[in-house]
Amino acid sequence: MALEKIIQSGQVPGILAYLGNEPIGWSSIAPRTTFPVLDRSPTLKRVDDKPVWSIVCLFIAKEYRHLGYSKALIQAGCAYARAQGAKIVEAYPLKSKKTKVQSYNSYMGFHKTFKELGFKDTVSRSQIRPIMRLFL
């Protein structure tokens, strides 16, 4: 119901990844102000008052995971944000040495992936969930 309201309002809730005609992934990226829950989190509260866009969710269909599509989805999200006027993109990935993690822990992506794409650690209020930024 909440997603339906967002779509009906005309806001774009994120981007889709396709392989041919088949949707294989989704990323929620929008101005941080779209996600007030972030400011209620002691770990993810605002770093400063700079206007940033946030990547809050990544999903790749199970059969397409570990093939590099999350990187492509993050890059496409950043390109979309830049086209909308964003100067900074923030992410809140999982920083873990475990090879197997619960899926709900990884829905914000993995630290290593964002680091490989040029995101930098900005603040770490948690050992496993840093705030990372990419300056566009």
Foldseek 3Di string as FASTA:
>chain_A
DVVVVCVVVVHDQWDFDDDVNRTFKTWGKDWCVVPVVQCVDPFRRDPDPDTEIETEFIDGHPVCPPVCVSLVRVVVRVVVCVVVPGFKYKFWAFEDPDPDDDPVRGGRHHPVSVVVVPWAFDAGPDPTTTITMDGD
